[in-house]
Amino acid sequence: MPALGPLIGGIARALCYVAMAALALLLMGVTVIDVVMRWLGSSVPGAHELVTLGMRILIPLAFPYVFWIGGHVAVEMLTQRFPAQLERIVQRLGTGLGALVMAYLTVAVTQRAVTVWRSGEVSSDLAFPLFYYWFPLIVGCAFSVAVALYLALAPAPPAERGPAIKVD
């Protein structure tokens, strides 16, 4: 299973790069162009929809990488007093619970996406099929399950995994 680590980490990182591209192009780029065009008396058609699509790409595709690097917020007032072995067990159980939650979310958003696909709904300005808005969420949740399961079951955490943000 340790041989899977570099592959899983690489995919999580690649999805995060796609998320950053969505941030740069669809959120910042469209907003800047829209502001400039409004100054010139026009606007970007569907700017609100494009920014919304960017957020629907950015957030869920970053989930797996956040799991991978241990970037979640952790309140460790109790666990920091545990012996090291017990603390690792509790962390693995928490990561396993995270995998279960993400698996539930994967099923739930997939069901919703199928409903939207069957209805043929489209966005109001650009007539973009709304089914595609759900695709990044499905991918992000599903791959988060893979990352969390790997971390919960791997013999040792990946080298690039840092400490969670700690709140004492």
N, C-alpha and C. Protein backbone atom coordinates (compact mmCIF):
# COMPACT_ATOMS: atom_id res chain seq x y z
N MET A 1 0.81 -1.21 0.00
CA MET A 1 0.00 0.00 0.00
C MET A 1 0.85 1.28 0.00
N PRO A 2 2.05 1.29 0.62
CA PRO A 2 2.85 2.51 0.58
C PRO A 2 3.17 2.98 -0.85
N ALA A 3 3.21 2.06 -1.81
CA ALA A 3 3.50 2.45 -3.19
C ALA A 3 2.39 3.32 -3.77
N LEU A 4 1.21 3.23 -3.19
CA LEU A 4 0.10 4.07 -3.64
C LEU A 4 0.26 5.53 -3.22
N GLY A 5 1.03 5.75 -2.18
CA GLY A 5 1.18 7.10 -1.63
C GLY A 5 1.54 8.16 -2.64
N PRO A 6 2.62 7.97 -3.42
CA PRO A 6 2.98 9.00 -4.40
C PRO A 6 1.89 9.22 -5.46
N LEU A 7 1.22 8.16 -5.86
CA LEU A 7 0.14 8.30 -6.85
C LEU A 7 -1.03 9.09 -6.27
N ILE A 8 -1.46 8.71 -5.08
CA ILE A 8 -2.59 9.40 -4.45
C ILE A 8 -2.23 10.86 -4.18
N GLY A 9 -1.03 11.09 -3.65
CA GLY A 9 -0.60 12.47 -3.40
C GLY A 9 -0.50 13.28 -4.68
N GLY A 10 0.00 12.66 -5.75
CA GLY A 10 0.11 13.36 -7.04
C GLY A 10 -1.24 13.73 -7.62
N ILE A 11 -2.21 12.83 -7.51
CA ILE A 11 -3.55 13.13 -8.02
C ILE A 11 -4.19 14.23 -7.17
N ALA A 12 -4.05 14.14 -5.86
CA ALA A 12 -4.60 15.18 -4.98
C ALA A 12 -4.00 16.54 -5.33
N ARG A 13 -2.69 16.57 -5.56
CA ARG A 13 -2.01 17.82 -5.92
C ARG A 13 -2.50 18.33 -7.28
N ALA A 14 -2.67 17.43 -8.25
CA ALA A 14 -3.14 17.83 -9.59
C ALA A 14 -4.55 18.41 -9.52
N LEU A 15 -5.42 17.79 -8.73
CA LEU A 15 -6.78 18.34 -8.57
C LEU A 15 -6.73 19.73 -7.93
N CYS A 16 -5.80 19.91 -7.01
CA CYS A 16 -5.65 21.22 -6.38
C CYS A 16 -5.16 22.25 -7.39
N TYR A 17 -4.29 21.86 -8.32
CA TYR A 17 -3.85 22.77 -9.38
C TYR A 17 -5.01 23.17 -10.28
N VAL A 18 -5.90 22.22 -10.58
CA VAL A 18 -7.10 22.54 -11.37
C VAL A 18 -7.95 23.54 -10.59
N ALA A 19 -8.06 23.33 -9.27
CA ALA A 19 -8.82 24.26 -8.43
C ALA A 19 -8.20 25.66 -8.47
N MET A 20 -6.87 25.72 -8.41
CA MET A 20 -6.20 27.03 -8.45
C MET A 20 -6.38 27.70 -9.81
N ALA A 21 -6.39 26.92 -10.88
CA ALA A 21 -6.64 27.49 -12.21
C ALA A 21 -8.05 28.06 -12.28
N ALA A 22 -9.01 27.36 -11.69
CA ALA A 22 -10.39 27.87 -11.65
C ALA A 22 -10.44 29.18 -10.88
N LEU A 23 -9.70 29.25 -9.79
CA LEU A 23 -9.63 30.48 -9.01
C LEU A 23 -9.08 31.62 -9.85
N ALA A 24 -7.96 31.35 -10.51
CA ALA A 24 -7.31 32.40 -11.31
C ALA A 24 -8.15 32.83 -12.50
N LEU A 25 -8.66 31.87 -13.25
CA LEU A 25 -9.37 32.21 -14.49
C LEU A 25 -10.81 32.63 -14.27
N LEU A 26 -11.57 31.79 -13.58
CA LEU A 26 -13.00 32.02 -13.49
C LEU A 26 -13.39 32.99 -12.39
N LEU A 27 -12.67 33.00 -11.30
CA LEU A 27 -13.03 33.92 -10.24
C LEU A 27 -12.34 35.27 -10.43
N MET A 28 -11.01 35.26 -10.42
CA MET A 28 -10.29 36.53 -10.51
C MET A 28 -10.33 37.11 -11.92
N GLY A 29 -10.06 36.27 -12.92
CA GLY A 29 -10.00 36.76 -14.30
C GLY A 29 -11.31 37.34 -14.78
N VAL A 30 -12.39 36.59 -14.61
CA VAL A 30 -13.70 37.07 -15.06
C VAL A 30 -14.10 38.33 -14.29
N THR A 31 -13.83 38.35 -12.99
CA THR A 31 -14.18 39.52 -12.19
C THR A 31 -13.43 40.76 -12.65
N VAL A 32 -12.13 40.64 -12.88
CA VAL A 32 -11.34 41.79 -13.33
C VAL A 32 -11.82 42.26 -14.70
N ILE A 33 -12.02 41.33 -15.62
CA ILE A 33 -12.48 41.71 -16.97
C ILE A 33 -13.86 42.36 -16.90
N ASP A 34 -14.73 41.82 -16.05
CA ASP A 34 -16.07 42.39 -15.90
C ASP A 34 -16.02 43.80 -15.34
N VAL A 35 -15.15 44.03 -14.36
CA VAL A 35 -15.01 45.38 -13.79
C VAL A 35 -14.51 46.36 -14.84
N VAL A 36 -13.51 45.95 -15.61
CA VAL A 36 -12.98 46.83 -16.66
C VAL A 36 -14.04 47.10 -17.72
N MET A 37 -14.76 46.04 -18.13
CA MET A 37 -15.79 46.23 -19.15
C MET A 37 -16.94 47.11 -18.65
N ARG A 38 -17.28 47.01 -17.39
CA ARG A 38 -18.32 47.88 -16.83
C ARG A 38 -17.87 49.33 -16.84
N TRP A 39 -16.60 49.53 -16.60
CA TRP A 39 -16.05 50.88 -16.65
C TRP A 39 -16.18 51.44 -18.07
N LEU A 40 -16.11 50.55 -19.07
CA LEU A 40 -16.23 50.95 -20.47
C LEU A 40 -17.69 50.91 -20.96
N GLY A 41 -18.63 50.57 -20.06
CA GLY A 41 -20.04 50.61 -20.42
C GLY A 41 -20.63 49.28 -20.85
N SER A 42 -19.96 48.17 -20.60
CA SER A 42 -20.47 46.85 -20.98
C SER A 42 -20.24 45.90 -19.81
N SER A 43 -20.36 44.62 -20.04
CA SER A 43 -20.05 43.64 -19.00
C SER A 43 -19.81 42.28 -19.65
N VAL A 44 -19.32 41.35 -18.85
CA VAL A 44 -19.10 39.99 -19.33
C VAL A 44 -20.44 39.25 -19.23
N PRO A 45 -20.95 38.75 -20.35
CA PRO A 45 -22.20 37.99 -20.27
C PRO A 45 -22.02 36.73 -19.42
N GLY A 46 -22.91 36.56 -18.46
CA GLY A 46 -22.85 35.39 -17.60
C GLY A 46 -21.74 35.42 -16.58
N ALA A 47 -21.26 36.61 -16.22
CA ALA A 47 -20.14 36.71 -15.27
C ALA A 47 -20.47 36.03 -13.95
N HIS A 48 -21.68 36.25 -13.45
CA HIS A 48 -22.06 35.64 -12.18
C HIS A 48 -22.02 34.11 -12.28
N GLU A 49 -22.52 33.57 -13.39
CA GLU A 49 -22.51 32.11 -13.57
C GLU A 49 -21.08 31.58 -13.68
N LEU A 50 -20.21 32.30 -14.35
CA LEU A 50 -18.82 31.85 -14.50
C LEU A 50 -18.09 31.86 -13.15
N VAL A 51 -18.35 32.89 -12.35
CA VAL A 51 -17.74 32.95 -11.02
C VAL A 51 -18.29 31.83 -10.14
N THR A 52 -19.60 31.59 -10.23
CA THR A 52 -20.20 30.49 -9.47
C THR A 52 -19.59 29.15 -9.89
N LEU A 53 -19.42 28.95 -11.18
CA LEU A 53 -18.80 27.72 -11.68
C LEU A 53 -17.37 27.59 -11.14
N GLY A 54 -16.65 28.70 -11.12
CA GLY A 54 -15.29 28.69 -10.57
C GLY A 54 -15.26 28.24 -9.12
N MET A 55 -16.21 28.72 -8.32
CA MET A 55 -16.26 28.31 -6.91
C MET A 55 -16.66 26.85 -6.78
N ARG A 56 -17.52 26.38 -7.70
CA ARG A 56 -17.94 24.98 -7.67
C ARG A 56 -16.81 24.06 -8.12
N ILE A 57 -15.81 24.59 -8.75
CA ILE A 57 -14.62 23.82 -9.11
C ILE A 57 -13.57 23.95 -8.01
N LEU A 58 -13.34 25.16 -7.56
CA LEU A 58 -12.28 25.46 -6.59
C LEU A 58 -12.42 24.69 -5.29
N ILE A 59 -13.55 24.79 -4.67
CA ILE A 59 -13.70 24.25 -3.32
C ILE A 59 -13.61 22.73 -3.27
N PRO A 60 -14.44 21.99 -4.02
CA PRO A 60 -14.37 20.53 -3.86
C PRO A 60 -13.10 19.88 -4.40
N LEU A 61 -12.48 20.48 -5.41
CA LEU A 61 -11.26 19.86 -5.94
C LEU A 61 -10.06 20.09 -5.03
N ALA A 62 -10.19 21.01 -4.08
CA ALA A 62 -9.12 21.22 -3.09
C ALA A 62 -9.26 20.26 -1.90
N PHE A 63 -10.46 19.69 -1.69
CA PHE A 63 -10.68 18.78 -0.55
C PHE A 63 -9.63 17.68 -0.44
N PRO A 64 -9.37 16.92 -1.51
CA PRO A 64 -8.42 15.80 -1.35
C PRO A 64 -7.02 16.27 -0.90
N TYR A 65 -6.57 17.40 -1.42
CA TYR A 65 -5.25 17.89 -1.05
C TYR A 65 -5.23 18.34 0.41
N VAL A 66 -6.32 18.92 0.87
CA VAL A 66 -6.40 19.32 2.28
C VAL A 66 -6.30 18.09 3.18
N PHE A 67 -6.99 17.00 2.79
CA PHE A 67 -6.83 15.75 3.53
C PHE A 67 -5.37 15.30 3.47
N TRP A 68 -4.79 15.33 2.29
CA TRP A 68 -3.43 14.80 2.08
C TRP A 68 -2.39 15.50 2.94
N ILE A 69 -2.46 16.82 3.02
CA ILE A 69 -1.44 17.57 3.77
C ILE A 69 -1.80 17.74 5.24
N GLY A 70 -2.97 17.27 5.65
CA GLY A 70 -3.38 17.44 7.04
C GLY A 70 -3.75 18.88 7.32
N GLY A 71 -4.40 19.53 6.37
CA GLY A 71 -4.70 20.95 6.48
C GLY A 71 -6.00 21.28 7.18
N HIS A 72 -6.67 20.31 7.75
CA HIS A 72 -7.91 20.58 8.47
C HIS A 72 -7.61 21.23 9.81
N VAL A 73 -8.57 21.96 10.33
CA VAL A 73 -8.44 22.54 11.66
C VAL A 73 -8.64 21.42 12.67
N ALA A 74 -7.78 21.38 13.67
CA ALA A 74 -7.86 20.34 14.70
C ALA A 74 -7.87 20.99 16.08
N VAL A 75 -8.83 20.62 16.88
CA VAL A 75 -8.87 21.06 18.28
C VAL A 75 -8.33 19.91 19.09
N GLU A 76 -7.15 20.11 19.67
CA GLU A 76 -6.42 19.01 20.30
C GLU A 76 -6.23 19.18 21.80
N MET A 77 -7.16 19.85 22.43
CA MET A 77 -7.02 20.08 23.87
C MET A 77 -6.98 18.77 24.65
N LEU A 78 -7.72 17.79 24.19
CA LEU A 78 -7.74 16.50 24.87
C LEU A 78 -6.67 15.56 24.34
N THR A 79 -6.59 15.42 23.02
CA THR A 79 -5.69 14.42 22.44
C THR A 79 -4.22 14.74 22.65
N GLN A 80 -3.85 16.01 22.83
CA GLN A 80 -2.43 16.32 23.04
C GLN A 80 -1.94 15.77 24.38
N ARG A 81 -2.84 15.41 25.25
CA ARG A 81 -2.45 14.83 26.54
C ARG A 81 -2.35 13.30 26.49
N PHE A 82 -2.76 12.72 25.37
CA PHE A 82 -2.71 11.26 25.20
C PHE A 82 -1.27 10.82 24.96
N PRO A 83 -0.97 9.57 25.30
CA PRO A 83 0.32 9.00 24.86
C PRO A 83 0.37 9.00 23.33
N ALA A 84 1.57 9.04 22.77
CA ALA A 84 1.76 9.18 21.32
C ALA A 84 1.01 8.10 20.55
N GLN A 85 1.07 6.86 21.00
CA GLN A 85 0.40 5.75 20.30
C GLN A 85 -1.11 5.95 20.27
N LEU A 86 -1.70 6.32 21.39
CA LEU A 86 -3.14 6.55 21.46
C LEU A 86 -3.54 7.75 20.60
N GLU A 87 -2.72 8.78 20.59
CA GLU A 87 -3.01 9.95 19.75
C GLU A 87 -3.04 9.56 18.28
N ARG A 88 -2.08 8.72 17.83
CA ARG A 88 -2.07 8.27 16.43
C ARG A 88 -3.32 7.45 16.11
N ILE A 89 -3.75 6.62 17.05
CA ILE A 89 -4.96 5.82 16.84
C ILE A 89 -6.18 6.73 16.70
N VAL A 90 -6.28 7.70 17.56
CA VAL A 90 -7.41 8.64 17.50
C VAL A 90 -7.38 9.43 16.19
N GLN A 91 -6.20 9.85 15.75
CA GLN A 91 -6.08 10.56 14.48
C GLN A 91 -6.52 9.67 13.32
N ARG A 92 -6.11 8.42 13.33
CA ARG A 92 -6.51 7.49 12.26
C ARG A 92 -8.02 7.24 12.28
N LEU A 93 -8.58 7.12 13.47
CA LEU A 93 -10.03 6.95 13.57
C LEU A 93 -10.76 8.19 13.04
N GLY A 94 -10.23 9.36 13.37
CA GLY A 94 -10.83 10.60 12.85
C GLY A 94 -10.74 10.68 11.34
N THR A 95 -9.63 10.28 10.79
CA THR A 95 -9.46 10.28 9.34
C THR A 95 -10.40 9.26 8.70
N GLY A 96 -10.56 8.10 9.34
CA GLY A 96 -11.51 7.10 8.86
C GLY A 96 -12.93 7.62 8.90
N LEU A 97 -13.27 8.35 9.95
CA LEU A 97 -14.59 8.96 10.03
C LEU A 97 -14.76 10.00 8.92
N GLY A 98 -13.70 10.74 8.64
CA GLY A 98 -13.73 11.69 7.52
C GLY A 98 -14.00 10.99 6.20
N ALA A 99 -13.41 9.81 6.02
CA ALA A 99 -13.66 9.03 4.80
C ALA A 99 -15.12 8.62 4.71
N LEU A 100 -15.70 8.22 5.84
CA LEU A 100 -17.12 7.84 5.84
C LEU A 100 -18.02 9.03 5.49
N VAL A 101 -17.72 10.17 6.06
CA VAL A 101 -18.51 11.38 5.76
C VAL A 101 -18.40 11.74 4.29
N MET A 102 -17.18 11.69 3.76
CA MET A 102 -17.00 12.03 2.34
C MET A 102 -17.66 10.99 1.44
N ALA A 103 -17.69 9.73 1.86
CA ALA A 103 -18.39 8.70 1.08
C ALA A 103 -19.88 8.99 1.05
N TYR A 104 -20.43 9.37 2.19
CA TYR A 104 -21.85 9.73 2.23
C TYR A 104 -22.12 10.93 1.32
N LEU A 105 -21.26 11.94 1.40
CA LEU A 105 -21.44 13.11 0.54
C LEU A 105 -21.32 12.75 -0.94
N THR A 106 -20.41 11.84 -1.26
CA THR A 106 -20.26 11.41 -2.66
C THR A 106 -21.57 10.81 -3.17
N VAL A 107 -22.15 9.94 -2.38
CA VAL A 107 -23.42 9.31 -2.78
C VAL A 107 -24.52 10.37 -2.89
N ALA A 108 -24.61 11.25 -1.91
CA ALA A 108 -25.68 12.25 -1.90
C ALA A 108 -25.57 13.21 -3.08
N VAL A 109 -24.38 13.71 -3.38
CA VAL A 109 -24.25 14.66 -4.49
C VAL A 109 -24.38 13.96 -5.83
N THR A 110 -23.99 12.70 -5.89
CA THR A 110 -24.19 11.95 -7.14
C THR A 110 -25.68 11.76 -7.41
N GLN A 111 -26.44 11.44 -6.37
CA GLN A 111 -27.88 11.31 -6.54
C GLN A 111 -28.50 12.63 -7.01
N ARG A 112 -28.07 13.72 -6.41
CA ARG A 112 -28.59 15.03 -6.82
C ARG A 112 -28.18 15.35 -8.26
N ALA A 113 -26.96 15.03 -8.63
CA ALA A 113 -26.49 15.29 -10.00
C ALA A 113 -27.32 14.50 -11.01
N VAL A 114 -27.64 13.27 -10.68
CA VAL A 114 -28.47 12.45 -11.58
C VAL A 114 -29.85 13.09 -11.75
N THR A 115 -30.41 13.58 -10.65
CA THR A 115 -31.71 14.26 -10.71
C THR A 115 -31.63 15.48 -11.62
N VAL A 116 -30.58 16.28 -11.46
CA VAL A 116 -30.40 17.48 -12.29
C VAL A 116 -30.19 17.08 -13.75
N TRP A 117 -29.42 16.03 -13.99
CA TRP A 117 -29.17 15.56 -15.36
C TRP A 117 -30.48 15.14 -16.02
N ARG A 118 -31.29 14.38 -15.29
CA ARG A 118 -32.57 13.91 -15.85
C ARG A 118 -33.53 15.06 -16.14
N SER A 119 -33.46 16.11 -15.32
CA SER A 119 -34.37 17.24 -15.52
C SER A 119 -33.95 18.12 -16.70
N GLY A 120 -32.67 18.04 -17.08
CA GLY A 120 -32.18 18.86 -18.19
C GLY A 120 -32.05 20.34 -17.86
N GLU A 121 -31.95 20.67 -16.56
CA GLU A 121 -31.83 22.07 -16.15
C GLU A 121 -30.59 22.72 -16.75
N VAL A 122 -30.73 23.99 -17.11
CA VAL A 122 -29.61 24.78 -17.62
C VAL A 122 -29.54 26.08 -16.85
N SER A 123 -28.38 26.72 -16.89
CA SER A 123 -28.21 28.00 -16.20
C SER A 123 -28.99 29.09 -16.93
N SER A 124 -29.31 30.14 -16.21
CA SER A 124 -30.21 31.16 -16.76
C SER A 124 -29.57 32.04 -17.83
N ASP A 125 -28.33 32.42 -17.69
CA ASP A 125 -27.71 33.35 -18.65
C ASP A 125 -27.01 32.65 -19.81
N LEU A 126 -26.24 31.62 -19.51
CA LEU A 126 -25.42 30.97 -20.54
C LEU A 126 -26.01 29.66 -21.04
N ALA A 127 -27.13 29.23 -20.45
CA ALA A 127 -27.78 27.96 -20.80
C ALA A 127 -26.79 26.80 -20.70
N PHE A 128 -25.93 26.84 -19.71
CA PHE A 128 -24.95 25.79 -19.44
C PHE A 128 -25.66 24.69 -18.66
N PRO A 129 -25.55 23.43 -19.07
CA PRO A 129 -26.23 22.35 -18.34
C PRO A 129 -25.75 22.29 -16.88
N LEU A 130 -26.69 22.38 -15.94
CA LEU A 130 -26.34 22.43 -14.53
C LEU A 130 -25.75 21.12 -14.01
N PHE A 131 -25.94 20.04 -14.74
CA PHE A 131 -25.33 18.77 -14.35
C PHE A 131 -23.82 18.93 -14.19
N TYR A 132 -23.22 19.68 -15.08
CA TYR A 132 -21.76 19.83 -15.04
C TYR A 132 -21.29 20.60 -13.82
N TYR A 133 -22.16 21.37 -13.19
CA TYR A 133 -21.80 22.06 -11.96
C TYR A 133 -21.54 21.06 -10.84
N TRP A 134 -22.17 19.90 -10.91
CA TRP A 134 -22.06 18.90 -9.86
C TRP A 134 -20.85 18.00 -10.04
N PHE A 135 -20.30 17.92 -11.21
CA PHE A 135 -19.20 17.00 -11.50
C PHE A 135 -17.97 17.24 -10.62
N PRO A 136 -17.49 18.49 -10.46
CA PRO A 136 -16.32 18.68 -9.59
C PRO A 136 -16.58 18.27 -8.14
N LEU A 137 -17.81 18.46 -7.68
CA LEU A 137 -18.13 18.07 -6.31
C LEU A 137 -18.09 16.55 -6.16
N ILE A 138 -18.59 15.85 -7.15
CA ILE A 138 -18.54 14.38 -7.11
C ILE A 138 -17.08 13.92 -7.11
N VAL A 139 -16.27 14.45 -8.01
CA VAL A 139 -14.86 14.06 -8.10
C VAL A 139 -14.11 14.38 -6.81
N GLY A 140 -14.30 15.60 -6.29
CA GLY A 140 -13.60 16.01 -5.07
C GLY A 140 -13.97 15.16 -3.88
N CYS A 141 -15.26 14.90 -3.70
CA CYS A 141 -15.70 14.07 -2.58
C CYS A 141 -15.19 12.64 -2.73
N ALA A 142 -15.34 12.08 -3.93
CA ALA A 142 -14.93 10.68 -4.14
C ALA A 142 -13.43 10.51 -3.94
N PHE A 143 -12.63 11.42 -4.45
CA PHE A 143 -11.19 11.25 -4.27
C PHE A 143 -10.77 11.54 -2.83
N SER A 144 -11.53 12.37 -2.13
CA SER A 144 -11.26 12.58 -0.71
C SER A 144 -11.43 11.29 0.07
N VAL A 145 -12.40 10.46 -0.34
CA VAL A 145 -12.57 9.16 0.30
C VAL A 145 -11.30 8.33 0.12
N ALA A 146 -10.77 8.29 -1.10
CA ALA A 146 -9.55 7.51 -1.36
C ALA A 146 -8.37 8.02 -0.53
N VAL A 147 -8.22 9.34 -0.48
CA VAL A 147 -7.10 9.92 0.28
C VAL A 147 -7.25 9.61 1.77
N ALA A 148 -8.45 9.84 2.30
CA ALA A 148 -8.66 9.62 3.73
C ALA A 148 -8.49 8.15 4.10
N LEU A 149 -8.98 7.24 3.27
CA LEU A 149 -8.79 5.81 3.55
C LEU A 149 -7.31 5.44 3.53
N TYR A 150 -6.59 5.97 2.54
CA TYR A 150 -5.15 5.69 2.48
C TYR A 150 -4.47 6.17 3.77
N LEU A 151 -4.79 7.41 4.18
CA LEU A 151 -4.15 7.96 5.37
C LEU A 151 -4.52 7.21 6.63
N ALA A 152 -5.76 6.73 6.69
CA ALA A 152 -6.20 5.98 7.87
C ALA A 152 -5.55 4.61 7.96
N LEU A 153 -5.22 4.02 6.80
CA LEU A 153 -4.71 2.65 6.77
C LEU A 153 -3.21 2.53 6.49
N ALA A 154 -2.58 3.59 6.00
CA ALA A 154 -1.16 3.54 5.64
C ALA A 154 -0.30 3.32 6.89
N PRO A 155 0.81 2.62 6.75
CA PRO A 155 1.68 2.37 7.90
C PRO A 155 2.25 3.66 8.50
N ALA A 156 2.54 4.63 7.65
CA ALA A 156 3.09 5.90 8.12
C ALA A 156 2.53 7.03 7.27
N PRO A 157 2.36 8.21 7.87
CA PRO A 157 1.85 9.33 7.07
C PRO A 157 2.86 9.75 6.01
N PRO A 158 2.37 10.35 4.89
CA PRO A 158 3.29 10.79 3.84
C PRO A 158 4.25 11.87 4.37
N ALA A 159 5.43 11.94 3.77
CA ALA A 159 6.44 12.88 4.22
C ALA A 159 5.98 14.33 4.12
N GLU A 160 5.18 14.65 3.11
CA GLU A 160 4.77 16.04 2.93
C GLU A 160 3.61 16.43 3.82
N ARG A 161 3.08 15.50 4.57
CA ARG A 161 1.92 15.78 5.43
C ARG A 161 2.40 16.58 6.63
N GLY A 162 1.84 17.74 6.76
CA GLY A 162 2.19 18.62 7.87
C GLY A 162 1.19 18.50 8.99
N PRO A 163 1.43 19.21 10.06
CA PRO A 163 0.46 19.17 11.15
C PRO A 163 -0.80 19.92 10.77
N ALA A 164 -1.89 19.52 11.34
CA ALA A 164 -3.14 20.25 11.12
C ALA A 164 -3.01 21.62 11.78
N ILE A 165 -3.87 22.52 11.40
CA ILE A 165 -3.91 23.83 12.06
C ILE A 165 -4.47 23.57 13.44
N LYS A 166 -3.74 23.88 14.45
CA LYS A 166 -4.13 23.52 15.81
C LYS A 166 -4.78 24.70 16.53
N VAL A 167 -5.87 24.40 17.22
CA VAL A 167 -6.55 25.38 18.04
C VAL A 167 -6.46 24.87 19.47
N ASP A 168 -5.73 25.56 20.32
CA ASP A 168 -5.57 25.11 21.71
C ASP A 168 -6.46 25.90 22.64
